[in-house]
């Protein structure tokens, strides 16, 4: 149950951080403050919304999360599993290509180093 509470706490931290940083940035608008708040938001995103589900996959385990919150798991259907894998392939392609474009053409990287130029080629056409 700790994993569920950790996920809810991460979601709450992300939402509260977005609200507080949004108000702060409106009161102190500048490029430096926008970069600073962007970095903080990226940290809150990864720490609050990505890390708890990753922890949940390993403890208590992906197949035990349903029972932990008291719902019945969905049955494994080969059609939906194969459809999900097939749909994940273009998503992973666009993820990789967009990050490569931001690194090479925008002089930055998505979520880590803010881009210095607008990227208007490759997957951003």
N, C-alpha and C. Protein backbone atom coordinates (compact mmCIF):
# COMPACT_ATOMS: atom_id res chain seq x y z
N UNK A 1 0.82 -1.19 0.00
CA UNK A 1 0.00 0.00 0.00
C UNK A 1 0.87 1.26 0.00
N UNK A 2 2.09 1.12 0.44
CA UNK A 2 3.01 2.25 0.47
C UNK A 2 3.23 2.80 -0.94
N UNK A 3 3.26 1.91 -1.93
CA UNK A 3 3.49 2.32 -3.30
C UNK A 3 2.35 3.19 -3.80
N UNK A 4 1.12 2.84 -3.43
CA UNK A 4 -0.03 3.64 -3.84
C UNK A 4 0.04 5.02 -3.20
N UNK A 5 0.36 5.07 -1.93
CA UNK A 5 0.50 6.36 -1.25
C UNK A 5 1.64 7.18 -1.83
N UNK A 6 2.72 6.53 -2.21
CA UNK A 6 3.85 7.22 -2.82
C UNK A 6 3.44 7.84 -4.16
N UNK A 7 2.66 7.10 -4.94
CA UNK A 7 2.16 7.64 -6.20
C UNK A 7 1.24 8.83 -6.00
N UNK A 8 0.35 8.74 -5.03
CA UNK A 8 -0.55 9.87 -4.75
C UNK A 8 0.22 11.08 -4.23
N UNK A 9 1.22 10.84 -3.40
CA UNK A 9 2.06 11.92 -2.90
C UNK A 9 2.84 12.59 -4.04
N UNK A 10 3.36 11.78 -4.96
CA UNK A 10 4.07 12.32 -6.11
C UNK A 10 3.17 13.16 -6.99
N UNK A 11 1.93 12.69 -7.21
CA UNK A 11 0.96 13.45 -8.00
C UNK A 11 0.62 14.77 -7.31
N UNK A 12 0.42 14.72 -6.02
CA UNK A 12 0.12 15.94 -5.26
C UNK A 12 1.29 16.93 -5.32
N UNK A 13 2.52 16.44 -5.19
CA UNK A 13 3.70 17.30 -5.26
C UNK A 13 3.81 17.94 -6.64
N UNK A 14 3.52 17.18 -7.68
CA UNK A 14 3.59 17.73 -9.04
C UNK A 14 2.54 18.82 -9.25
N UNK A 15 1.31 18.56 -8.84
CA UNK A 15 0.23 19.54 -9.02
C UNK A 15 0.49 20.80 -8.20
N UNK A 16 0.89 20.62 -6.96
CA UNK A 16 1.17 21.79 -6.10
C UNK A 16 2.37 22.56 -6.63
N UNK A 17 3.40 21.86 -7.08
CA UNK A 17 4.57 22.53 -7.65
C UNK A 17 4.22 23.32 -8.89
N UNK A 18 3.37 22.76 -9.75
CA UNK A 18 2.94 23.48 -10.96
C UNK A 18 2.19 24.74 -10.59
N UNK A 19 1.31 24.65 -9.60
CA UNK A 19 0.54 25.84 -9.19
C UNK A 19 1.45 26.91 -8.57
N UNK A 20 2.30 26.50 -7.67
CA UNK A 20 3.17 27.47 -6.99
C UNK A 20 4.16 28.10 -7.98
N UNK A 21 4.77 27.28 -8.82
CA UNK A 21 5.73 27.82 -9.79
C UNK A 21 5.04 28.70 -10.83
N UNK A 22 3.81 28.36 -11.20
CA UNK A 22 3.07 29.20 -12.14
C UNK A 22 2.78 30.58 -11.56
N UNK A 23 2.36 30.62 -10.32
CA UNK A 23 2.10 31.91 -9.65
C UNK A 23 3.40 32.69 -9.50
N UNK A 24 4.46 32.01 -9.09
CA UNK A 24 5.76 32.68 -8.91
C UNK A 24 6.28 33.24 -10.21
N UNK A 25 6.13 32.48 -11.29
CA UNK A 25 6.65 32.93 -12.58
C UNK A 25 5.85 34.11 -13.13
N UNK A 26 4.57 34.14 -12.85
CA UNK A 26 3.76 35.30 -13.29
C UNK A 26 4.15 36.57 -12.53
N UNK A 27 4.59 36.42 -11.29
CA UNK A 27 5.00 37.58 -10.50
C UNK A 27 6.43 38.01 -10.81
N UNK A 28 7.26 37.08 -11.27
CA UNK A 28 8.66 37.37 -11.57
C UNK A 28 9.02 36.88 -12.98
N UNK A 29 8.44 37.49 -14.01
CA UNK A 29 8.71 36.99 -15.37
C UNK A 29 10.09 37.38 -15.88
N UNK A 30 10.89 36.39 -16.20
CA UNK A 30 12.19 36.61 -16.82
C UNK A 30 12.63 35.28 -17.43
N UNK A 31 13.59 35.37 -18.32
CA UNK A 31 14.08 34.16 -18.97
C UNK A 31 14.75 33.23 -17.95
N UNK A 32 15.55 33.79 -17.06
CA UNK A 32 16.24 32.97 -16.06
C UNK A 32 15.24 32.27 -15.14
N UNK A 33 14.19 32.98 -14.73
CA UNK A 33 13.19 32.37 -13.86
C UNK A 33 12.38 31.30 -14.60
N UNK A 34 12.13 31.51 -15.90
CA UNK A 34 11.43 30.50 -16.69
C UNK A 34 12.28 29.24 -16.80
N UNK A 35 13.57 29.40 -17.03
CA UNK A 35 14.45 28.22 -17.10
C UNK A 35 14.51 27.51 -15.75
N UNK A 36 14.62 28.26 -14.68
CA UNK A 36 14.69 27.67 -13.34
C UNK A 36 13.40 26.91 -13.01
N UNK A 37 12.25 27.54 -13.27
CA UNK A 37 10.99 26.86 -12.96
C UNK A 37 10.77 25.67 -13.88
N UNK A 38 11.25 25.75 -15.12
CA UNK A 38 11.15 24.60 -16.03
C UNK A 38 11.95 23.42 -15.53
N UNK A 39 13.13 23.69 -15.03
CA UNK A 39 13.95 22.60 -14.48
C UNK A 39 13.32 21.98 -13.24
N UNK A 40 12.75 22.82 -12.40
CA UNK A 40 12.09 22.31 -11.20
C UNK A 40 10.88 21.47 -11.58
N UNK A 41 10.11 21.91 -12.58
CA UNK A 41 8.95 21.15 -13.01
C UNK A 41 9.35 19.81 -13.62
N UNK A 42 10.45 19.79 -14.38
CA UNK A 42 10.91 18.53 -14.93
C UNK A 42 11.34 17.57 -13.81
N UNK A 43 11.98 18.11 -12.79
CA UNK A 43 12.35 17.26 -11.65
C UNK A 43 11.10 16.71 -10.97
N UNK A 44 10.10 17.58 -10.74
CA UNK A 44 8.88 17.13 -10.09
C UNK A 44 8.15 16.09 -10.94
N UNK A 45 8.20 16.27 -12.27
CA UNK A 45 7.57 15.31 -13.16
C UNK A 45 8.22 13.93 -13.02
N UNK A 46 9.53 13.89 -13.12
CA UNK A 46 10.21 12.60 -13.06
C UNK A 46 10.16 12.00 -11.66
N UNK A 47 10.34 12.84 -10.63
CA UNK A 47 10.33 12.33 -9.26
C UNK A 47 8.92 11.95 -8.80
N UNK A 48 7.92 12.72 -9.21
CA UNK A 48 6.58 12.49 -8.70
C UNK A 48 5.70 11.62 -9.57
N UNK A 49 5.88 11.66 -10.89
CA UNK A 49 4.98 10.93 -11.78
C UNK A 49 5.61 9.73 -12.47
N UNK A 50 6.93 9.66 -12.53
CA UNK A 50 7.59 8.55 -13.21
C UNK A 50 8.17 7.56 -12.20
N UNK A 51 8.81 8.04 -11.18
CA UNK A 51 9.48 7.15 -10.23
C UNK A 51 8.53 6.24 -9.45
N UNK A 52 7.41 6.73 -8.89
CA UNK A 52 6.53 5.80 -8.15
C UNK A 52 6.00 4.63 -8.97
N UNK A 53 5.54 4.83 -10.23
CA UNK A 53 5.13 3.64 -11.00
C UNK A 53 6.29 2.69 -11.30
N UNK A 54 7.48 3.23 -11.51
CA UNK A 54 8.63 2.35 -11.73
C UNK A 54 8.93 1.53 -10.49
N UNK A 55 8.80 2.13 -9.32
CA UNK A 55 8.99 1.38 -8.08
C UNK A 55 7.90 0.32 -7.96
N UNK A 56 6.67 0.67 -8.34
CA UNK A 56 5.56 -0.27 -8.25
C UNK A 56 5.71 -1.48 -9.15
N UNK A 57 6.44 -1.34 -10.24
CA UNK A 57 6.66 -2.48 -11.13
C UNK A 57 7.49 -3.55 -10.42
N UNK A 58 8.46 -3.12 -9.61
CA UNK A 58 9.34 -4.07 -8.93
C UNK A 58 8.85 -4.46 -7.55
N UNK A 59 8.22 -3.53 -6.83
CA UNK A 59 7.66 -3.84 -5.51
C UNK A 59 6.31 -3.18 -5.40
N UNK A 60 5.25 -3.83 -5.27
CA UNK A 60 5.03 -5.24 -5.03
C UNK A 60 5.04 -6.08 -6.29
N UNK A 61 5.18 -5.48 -7.44
CA UNK A 61 5.19 -6.22 -8.70
C UNK A 61 4.03 -5.82 -9.57
N UNK A 62 4.24 -5.81 -10.85
CA UNK A 62 3.23 -5.34 -11.79
C UNK A 62 1.94 -6.15 -11.70
N UNK A 63 2.03 -7.44 -11.47
CA UNK A 63 0.83 -8.27 -11.42
C UNK A 63 0.14 -8.23 -10.07
N UNK A 64 0.72 -7.59 -9.07
CA UNK A 64 0.11 -7.54 -7.74
C UNK A 64 -0.52 -6.18 -7.41
N UNK A 65 -0.36 -5.19 -8.28
CA UNK A 65 -0.89 -3.86 -7.97
C UNK A 65 -2.41 -3.84 -7.93
N UNK A 66 -3.07 -4.61 -8.79
CA UNK A 66 -4.53 -4.63 -8.80
C UNK A 66 -5.08 -5.13 -7.47
N UNK A 67 -4.53 -6.23 -6.98
CA UNK A 67 -4.98 -6.78 -5.71
C UNK A 67 -4.68 -5.85 -4.55
N UNK A 68 -3.63 -5.08 -4.68
CA UNK A 68 -3.25 -4.16 -3.60
C UNK A 68 -4.30 -3.08 -3.38
N UNK A 69 -4.90 -2.60 -4.46
CA UNK A 69 -5.92 -1.55 -4.34
C UNK A 69 -7.33 -2.14 -4.32
N UNK A 70 -7.46 -3.48 -4.42
CA UNK A 70 -8.75 -4.12 -4.26
C UNK A 70 -9.61 -4.22 -5.51
N UNK A 71 -9.01 -4.25 -6.67
CA UNK A 71 -9.78 -4.44 -7.91
C UNK A 71 -9.32 -5.72 -8.59
N UNK A 72 -10.17 -6.27 -9.42
CA UNK A 72 -9.83 -7.50 -10.14
C UNK A 72 -8.99 -7.15 -11.37
N UNK A 73 -7.92 -7.88 -11.63
CA UNK A 73 -7.09 -7.60 -12.80
C UNK A 73 -7.83 -7.93 -14.10
N UNK A 74 -7.50 -7.21 -15.14
CA UNK A 74 -8.06 -7.50 -16.45
C UNK A 74 -7.43 -8.77 -16.99
N UNK A 75 -8.18 -9.56 -17.74
CA UNK A 75 -7.59 -10.78 -18.30
C UNK A 75 -6.59 -10.44 -19.40
N UNK A 76 -5.59 -11.32 -19.54
CA UNK A 76 -4.60 -11.13 -20.59
C UNK A 76 -5.23 -11.51 -21.92
N UNK A 77 -5.30 -10.57 -22.83
CA UNK A 77 -5.85 -10.84 -24.16
C UNK A 77 -4.73 -10.63 -25.17
N UNK A 78 -4.41 -11.65 -25.94
CA UNK A 78 -3.31 -11.53 -26.91
C UNK A 78 -3.52 -10.41 -27.93
N UNK A 79 -4.77 -10.14 -28.30
CA UNK A 79 -5.03 -9.08 -29.27
C UNK A 79 -4.61 -7.73 -28.73
N UNK A 80 -5.01 -7.42 -27.51
CA UNK A 80 -4.69 -6.11 -26.94
C UNK A 80 -3.20 -5.98 -26.63
N UNK A 81 -2.58 -7.07 -26.23
CA UNK A 81 -1.15 -7.05 -25.99
C UNK A 81 -0.39 -6.77 -27.28
N UNK A 82 -0.75 -7.47 -28.35
CA UNK A 82 -0.06 -7.23 -29.63
C UNK A 82 -0.38 -5.86 -30.19
N UNK A 83 -1.61 -5.38 -30.03
CA UNK A 83 -1.96 -4.03 -30.49
C UNK A 83 -1.16 -2.98 -29.72
N UNK A 84 -1.00 -3.18 -28.42
CA UNK A 84 -0.20 -2.24 -27.63
C UNK A 84 1.25 -2.20 -28.05
N UNK A 85 1.80 -3.36 -28.34
CA UNK A 85 3.20 -3.41 -28.79
C UNK A 85 3.35 -2.74 -30.14
N UNK A 86 2.39 -3.02 -31.05
CA UNK A 86 2.44 -2.41 -32.38
C UNK A 86 2.30 -0.90 -32.29
N UNK A 87 1.42 -0.40 -31.44
CA UNK A 87 1.25 1.05 -31.29
C UNK A 87 2.41 1.70 -30.55
N UNK A 88 3.13 0.94 -29.74
CA UNK A 88 4.27 1.50 -29.02
C UNK A 88 5.45 1.76 -29.95
N UNK A 89 5.54 1.02 -31.04
CA UNK A 89 6.69 1.17 -31.95
C UNK A 89 6.76 2.57 -32.55
N UNK A 90 5.68 3.12 -33.15
CA UNK A 90 5.80 4.50 -33.66
C UNK A 90 5.98 5.52 -32.54
N UNK A 91 5.41 5.25 -31.37
CA UNK A 91 5.61 6.17 -30.25
C UNK A 91 7.06 6.25 -29.82
N UNK A 92 7.71 5.11 -29.74
CA UNK A 92 9.13 5.09 -29.38
C UNK A 92 9.98 5.73 -30.47
N UNK A 93 9.59 5.54 -31.73
CA UNK A 93 10.31 6.18 -32.84
C UNK A 93 10.23 7.71 -32.71
N UNK A 94 9.02 8.24 -32.53
CA UNK A 94 8.87 9.69 -32.41
C UNK A 94 9.55 10.23 -31.16
N UNK A 95 9.54 9.48 -30.08
CA UNK A 95 10.26 9.87 -28.87
C UNK A 95 11.75 10.03 -29.14
N UNK A 96 12.33 9.02 -29.78
CA UNK A 96 13.76 9.06 -30.08
C UNK A 96 14.12 10.15 -31.07
N UNK A 97 13.32 10.28 -32.14
CA UNK A 97 13.62 11.29 -33.16
C UNK A 97 13.45 12.71 -32.63
N UNK A 98 12.44 12.94 -31.80
CA UNK A 98 12.25 14.29 -31.26
C UNK A 98 13.39 14.66 -30.32
N UNK A 99 13.84 13.72 -29.50
CA UNK A 99 14.97 14.01 -28.62
C UNK A 99 16.26 14.24 -29.42
N UNK A 100 16.45 13.45 -30.48
CA UNK A 100 17.63 13.65 -31.33
C UNK A 100 17.58 15.02 -32.01
N UNK A 101 16.42 15.41 -32.50
CA UNK A 101 16.28 16.72 -33.15
C UNK A 101 16.53 17.86 -32.16
N UNK A 102 15.99 17.74 -30.97
CA UNK A 102 16.21 18.79 -29.97
C UNK A 102 17.68 18.90 -29.59
N UNK A 103 18.37 17.76 -29.53
CA UNK A 103 19.79 17.77 -29.19
C UNK A 103 20.63 18.38 -30.30
N UNK A 104 20.38 17.94 -31.54
CA UNK A 104 21.24 18.35 -32.65
C UNK A 104 20.86 19.71 -33.23
N UNK A 105 19.57 19.97 -33.41
CA UNK A 105 19.14 21.21 -34.07
C UNK A 105 18.78 22.31 -33.09
N UNK A 106 18.39 21.95 -31.89
CA UNK A 106 17.97 22.95 -30.91
C UNK A 106 19.01 23.27 -29.87
N UNK A 107 20.17 22.64 -29.95
CA UNK A 107 21.26 22.86 -28.99
C UNK A 107 20.81 22.64 -27.55
N UNK A 108 20.09 21.59 -27.31
CA UNK A 108 19.63 21.28 -25.96
C UNK A 108 19.15 19.85 -25.92
N UNK A 109 18.35 19.52 -24.95
CA UNK A 109 17.77 18.19 -24.86
C UNK A 109 16.46 18.30 -24.10
N UNK A 110 15.52 17.49 -24.49
CA UNK A 110 14.21 17.51 -23.86
C UNK A 110 14.32 17.19 -22.37
N UNK A 111 13.84 18.10 -21.55
CA UNK A 111 13.73 17.95 -20.10
C UNK A 111 15.04 18.04 -19.32
N UNK A 112 16.17 18.13 -20.00
CA UNK A 112 17.41 18.19 -19.25
C UNK A 112 18.14 19.51 -19.47
N UNK A 113 18.44 19.81 -20.71
CA UNK A 113 19.01 21.12 -21.04
C UNK A 113 18.01 21.81 -21.95
N UNK A 114 17.57 22.99 -21.58
CA UNK A 114 16.59 23.69 -22.39
C UNK A 114 17.18 24.04 -23.75
N UNK A 115 16.36 23.93 -24.80
CA UNK A 115 16.84 24.19 -26.15
C UNK A 115 17.07 25.68 -26.34
N UNK A 116 18.05 26.00 -27.18
CA UNK A 116 18.41 27.39 -27.43
C UNK A 116 17.79 27.92 -28.72
N UNK A 117 17.34 27.01 -29.60
CA UNK A 117 16.76 27.41 -30.87
C UNK A 117 15.47 26.63 -31.09
N UNK A 118 14.58 27.21 -31.90
CA UNK A 118 13.35 26.51 -32.25
C UNK A 118 13.69 25.45 -33.30
N UNK A 119 13.19 24.25 -33.09
CA UNK A 119 13.41 23.15 -34.01
C UNK A 119 12.20 23.06 -34.94
N UNK A 120 12.45 23.17 -36.23
CA UNK A 120 11.34 23.14 -37.19
C UNK A 120 11.60 22.16 -38.34
N UNK A 121 12.41 21.16 -38.09
CA UNK A 121 12.68 20.12 -39.09
C UNK A 121 12.45 18.75 -38.50
N UNK A 122 12.71 17.72 -39.29
CA UNK A 122 12.54 16.33 -38.92
C UNK A 122 11.10 16.05 -38.50
N UNK A 123 10.86 15.57 -37.28
CA UNK A 123 9.52 15.21 -36.86
C UNK A 123 8.67 16.43 -36.49
N UNK A 124 9.24 17.61 -36.45
CA UNK A 124 8.52 18.82 -36.07
C UNK A 124 8.00 19.59 -37.28
N UNK A 125 7.89 18.97 -38.44
CA UNK A 125 7.37 19.67 -39.63
C UNK A 125 5.90 19.89 -39.53
